[in-house]
Each structure stands twice: as structure tokens, then as C-alpha cells.
Protein backbone atom coordinates (compact mmCIF):
# COMPACT_ATOMS: atom_id res chain seq x y z
CA MET A 1 104.34 72.36 76.74
CA THR A 2 101.01 74.09 78.09
CA THR A 3 100.85 77.55 79.24
CA GLU A 4 100.41 76.13 82.86
CA SER A 5 103.64 73.96 82.67
CA THR A 6 105.49 76.82 81.29
CA LEU A 7 104.63 79.19 84.00
CA HIS A 8 105.57 76.31 86.52
CA ALA A 9 108.87 76.15 84.89
CA ARG A 10 109.25 79.77 84.56
CA SER A 11 108.33 80.38 88.30
CA ASN A 12 109.86 77.28 89.80
CA SER A 13 106.42 76.35 91.02
CA HIS A 14 105.90 79.13 93.13
CA CYS A 15 103.47 82.14 93.09
CA GLU A 16 105.02 84.79 90.83
CA LEU A 17 103.81 87.53 93.17
CA CYS A 18 103.96 86.38 96.80
CA GLY A 19 106.31 83.24 96.31
CA ALA A 20 103.81 80.73 98.04
CA SER A 21 103.81 77.17 96.62
CA ASN A 22 100.27 75.98 97.13
CA GLY A 23 96.98 76.35 95.16
CA LEU A 24 98.79 77.71 92.22
CA ARG A 25 96.77 78.60 88.97
CA VAL A 26 97.13 80.57 85.66
CA TYR A 27 95.94 83.88 85.69
CA PRO A 28 95.15 85.44 82.42
CA ILE A 29 96.01 89.15 82.55
CA PRO A 30 92.77 91.23 81.70
CA PRO A 31 91.52 92.94 79.80
CA ASN A 32 92.80 91.55 76.61
CA SER A 33 94.95 88.45 77.47
CA ASP A 34 95.39 86.08 74.64
CA GLU A 35 96.21 83.57 77.65
CA SER A 36 99.53 82.94 76.04
CA VAL A 37 102.48 82.30 78.64
CA ASP A 38 103.51 86.28 78.18
CA GLN A 39 100.23 87.39 79.03
CA CYS A 40 99.64 85.31 82.06
CA VAL A 41 101.04 84.97 85.48
CA LEU A 42 101.01 81.95 87.85
CA ILE A 43 99.36 83.06 91.26
CA CYS A 44 98.35 81.20 94.45
CA GLY A 45 94.65 81.31 95.74
CA THR A 46 95.33 84.25 98.09
CA CYS A 47 96.68 86.63 95.39
CA HIS A 48 93.75 85.14 92.94
CA GLU A 49 91.09 86.02 95.37
CA GLN A 50 92.28 89.39 96.36
CA ILE A 51 92.83 90.41 92.66
CA ALA A 52 89.31 89.00 91.74
CA ASP A 53 87.77 90.95 94.43
CA PRO A 54 90.01 94.05 95.17
CA SER A 55 87.75 94.82 98.21
CA LYS A 56 89.14 91.70 100.05
CA ALA A 57 92.96 93.07 99.36
CA GLU A 58 94.98 92.64 102.56
CA PRO A 59 97.70 95.28 102.50
CA ASN A 60 100.20 93.35 104.22
CA HIS A 61 99.82 90.30 102.06
CA TRP A 62 101.08 92.65 99.39
CA ARG A 63 104.34 93.51 100.99
CA CYS A 64 105.56 90.53 99.02
CA LEU A 65 105.62 92.98 95.75
CA ASN A 66 108.67 94.73 97.38
CA ASP A 67 110.43 91.86 95.69
CA SER A 68 108.46 90.77 92.87
CA MET A 69 108.09 94.26 91.29
CA TRP A 70 111.70 93.65 90.35
CA SER A 71 110.86 90.70 88.00
CA GLN A 72 111.96 90.86 84.62
CA ILE A 73 109.01 89.35 83.31
CA PRO A 74 106.41 92.10 81.96
CA ALA A 75 103.22 90.12 82.86
CA VAL A 76 104.51 89.93 86.73
CA GLN A 77 105.50 93.92 86.46
CA VAL A 78 102.15 94.50 85.22
CA MET A 79 100.54 92.75 88.16
CA ALA A 80 102.67 94.51 90.65
CA TRP A 81 102.07 97.85 89.56
CA ARG A 82 98.28 97.32 89.30
CA MET A 83 98.25 95.98 93.00
CA LEU A 84 100.56 98.75 94.10
CA THR A 85 98.42 101.35 92.49
CA HIS A 86 95.34 99.95 93.92
CA LEU A 87 96.69 100.07 97.54
CA ARG A 88 98.64 103.29 97.17
CA ALA A 89 96.56 105.03 99.87
CA GLU A 90 98.32 102.73 102.34
CA GLY A 91 101.25 104.76 101.89
CA TRP A 92 104.09 102.19 101.39
CA PRO A 93 102.96 101.06 98.21
CA GLN A 94 103.21 104.87 96.82
CA GLU A 95 106.93 104.52 97.91
CA LEU A 96 107.25 101.20 95.77
CA LEU A 97 105.37 102.68 92.82
CA ASP A 98 107.98 105.63 93.06
CA MET A 99 110.65 103.25 92.51
CA LEU A 100 109.23 101.06 89.89
CA TYR A 101 110.16 101.65 86.27
CA LEU A 102 108.07 100.23 83.63
CA ASP A 103 108.95 100.64 79.84
CA ASP A 104 106.28 102.37 77.80
CA GLU A 105 104.81 99.44 76.39
CA THR A 106 104.46 97.59 79.90
CA LEU A 107 103.15 100.53 81.63
CA ASN A 108 100.26 101.01 78.78
CA TRP A 109 99.62 97.38 79.32
CA ALA A 110 99.39 97.80 83.08
CA GLN A 111 96.96 101.05 82.83
CA ALA A 112 94.65 99.17 80.09
CA GLU A 113 92.52 97.57 82.92
CA THR A 114 92.00 101.06 84.45
CA GLU A 115 91.18 102.61 81.35
CA SER A 116 88.83 99.66 80.52
CA LYS A 117 87.08 99.99 84.05
CA ASN A 118 86.80 103.57 83.42
CA MET A 119 84.88 103.08 79.98
CA GLU A 120 82.66 100.45 81.65
CA ASP A 121 81.97 102.80 84.44
CA ASN A 122 80.69 105.49 81.99
CA GLY A 123 83.45 107.87 83.03
CA ARG A 124 82.62 107.78 86.87
CA HIS A 125 85.22 109.48 89.56
CA ARG A 126 87.16 106.93 91.53
CA ASP A 127 89.25 107.36 94.63
CA SER A 128 92.72 105.83 94.87
CA ASN A 129 90.84 102.49 96.12
CA GLY A 130 88.63 102.48 93.09
CA THR A 131 85.72 103.46 95.35
CA LEU A 132 83.13 105.31 93.30
CA LEU A 133 82.90 108.95 94.36
CA GLU A 134 79.84 111.07 94.41
CA ALA A 135 79.19 114.91 94.54
CA GLY A 136 78.78 115.88 98.13
CA ASP A 137 81.07 112.89 99.64
CA THR A 138 83.62 113.48 102.12
CA VAL A 139 87.29 112.37 101.37
CA THR A 140 90.51 112.18 103.18
CA LEU A 141 93.79 113.12 101.56
CA THR A 142 96.34 110.11 101.36
CA LYS A 143 99.49 112.38 101.02
CA ASP A 144 100.60 115.95 101.58
CA LEU A 145 99.71 118.08 98.85
CA ASN A 146 101.33 121.51 98.05
CA VAL A 147 98.58 123.92 96.98
CA LYS A 148 99.91 125.87 94.13
CA GLY A 149 99.24 129.56 94.22
CA ALA A 150 97.88 129.26 97.79
CA ASN A 151 101.16 128.92 100.05
CA PHE A 152 100.09 126.13 102.10
CA THR A 153 100.43 122.27 102.34
CA ALA A 154 97.23 120.22 102.58
CA LYS A 155 98.21 117.69 105.10
CA ARG A 156 97.78 113.81 104.67
CA GLY A 157 94.59 112.89 106.86
CA THR A 158 92.96 116.20 105.99
CA ALA A 159 89.19 115.56 105.33
CA VAL A 160 87.63 117.26 102.39
CA ARG A 161 83.89 117.41 102.82
CA ASN A 162 81.18 118.10 100.34
CA ILE A 163 83.36 117.64 97.19
CA THR A 164 82.32 118.39 93.70
CA LEU A 165 83.30 116.40 90.64
CA VAL A 166 84.84 118.09 87.72
CA GLU A 167 82.81 116.89 84.78
CA ASP A 168 85.37 116.99 82.20
CA ASN A 169 88.11 115.05 83.95
CA LEU A 170 87.68 112.03 85.97
CA GLU A 171 90.97 112.50 87.79
CA HIS A 172 89.70 116.05 89.44
CA ILE A 173 87.50 116.68 92.16
CA GLU A 174 87.24 120.10 93.98
CA GLY A 175 86.89 120.75 97.57
CA ARG A 176 87.83 123.45 100.42
CA VAL A 177 90.76 122.94 102.28
CA ASN A 178 91.73 125.74 104.77
CA GLY A 179 89.14 127.73 103.57
CA GLN A 180 90.13 127.77 99.90
CA ARG A 181 88.37 125.95 97.13
CA ILE A 182 91.02 123.57 95.28
CA VAL A 183 91.26 120.85 92.65
CA ILE A 184 92.57 117.62 93.89
CA LEU A 185 93.63 114.51 91.93
CA THR A 186 91.33 111.66 92.71
CA LYS A 187 94.47 109.24 93.07
CA PHE A 188 95.32 111.16 96.21
CA VAL A 189 92.23 110.72 98.07
CA LYS A 190 90.41 107.94 99.92
CA LYS A 191 86.32 108.16 100.25
CA ALA A 192 85.66 108.59 104.04
CA GLY A 193 83.55 105.71 105.61
């Protein structure tokens, strides 16, 4: 059997992410897929287009992950984790990520693409959607953050202007909230328009 026919059998000829049955294709999971059945998923054209170009990701389409993230197939779990991570600024994907359990090997696989992109970008800071951050940008908080040692909570939606990038940590930026300079994790911010 070919990889494609095996995936059709495994998925009952439906997209393994959203359940659609038209325009199905094999998607080898980057960055190091050997294109075996275990390292591929069968997805529809809509999912493929939005995975290939994350700027086209339509958050409501991905509500399907509420079901597919529970798949017992590691390749499906990896793709669900990656899309939920990409969309977590929307709020509801973060709630699903908080429920999703991946064993260590599968989680490392899911994170491999992010690590590969970070290496390609020569260590550039990115927001929760993968948008490049520059010193001086304005970002918006995507969740309420308890600020340690300052006795206040930085509320979701708060704009943080004129950020600075922490050079030795790609996951940290600094900015002023309520008059205090704080360190913020990039996964909790979204670059403002």
C-alpha cells in the first residue's frame, strides 16, 4: 500500500484535522518528515492552504481541533498542537492547549518546527502569532498576567508601547505597564496593527 492509500484507510477518507472529505492530500509534517505514514497526515485543501501560509489562518475553521486534538495518532496531535499554538492569541485555542496532553516525544516533535524556524530567523523575537517583533513596537497582551513583585495584574488587551527585546532570550521582551518596567513572555503578546 502507498502512503496515501494507507492514510485514506486510517482516516476513512476524511481530513484528519477538520473532517472534510474533498480535496484530500498527503501532508508530510515538517521539518524532518521522512514521508512515512507515521510522519504524515491526510488533510483537505483548506487546511493545507492555511498551514502553508499561516497569515491566511481563519481561526473559526480551526475550531475543528476541539475534536481532532484527541486523536490517538501522534502526527495528528502534532498538527493540532501547532495550529492551536499559532492561534492561541484568539483565546479559545489556549484553553484547548491547556487541556491537550502530549507525551514528551510527541511534544518535542511538535516544537521542532518552531525551533527550526527560530534558527532560520537567526534568533528573532516573534509574538504569539509568529509575527516578527522589533524594538520600539507596540504589542497587546493576549491574557491577564500576574506581575510578580508588583502586586497588580496586567489585563488582557493592555497595549505595551515602545518595547525592548531581551537579547539573550527570544521569549522575553520588556515594556512598561502601569508605570512599571516588566519582562513579558512573547507568547502572551500580539503585535499591534
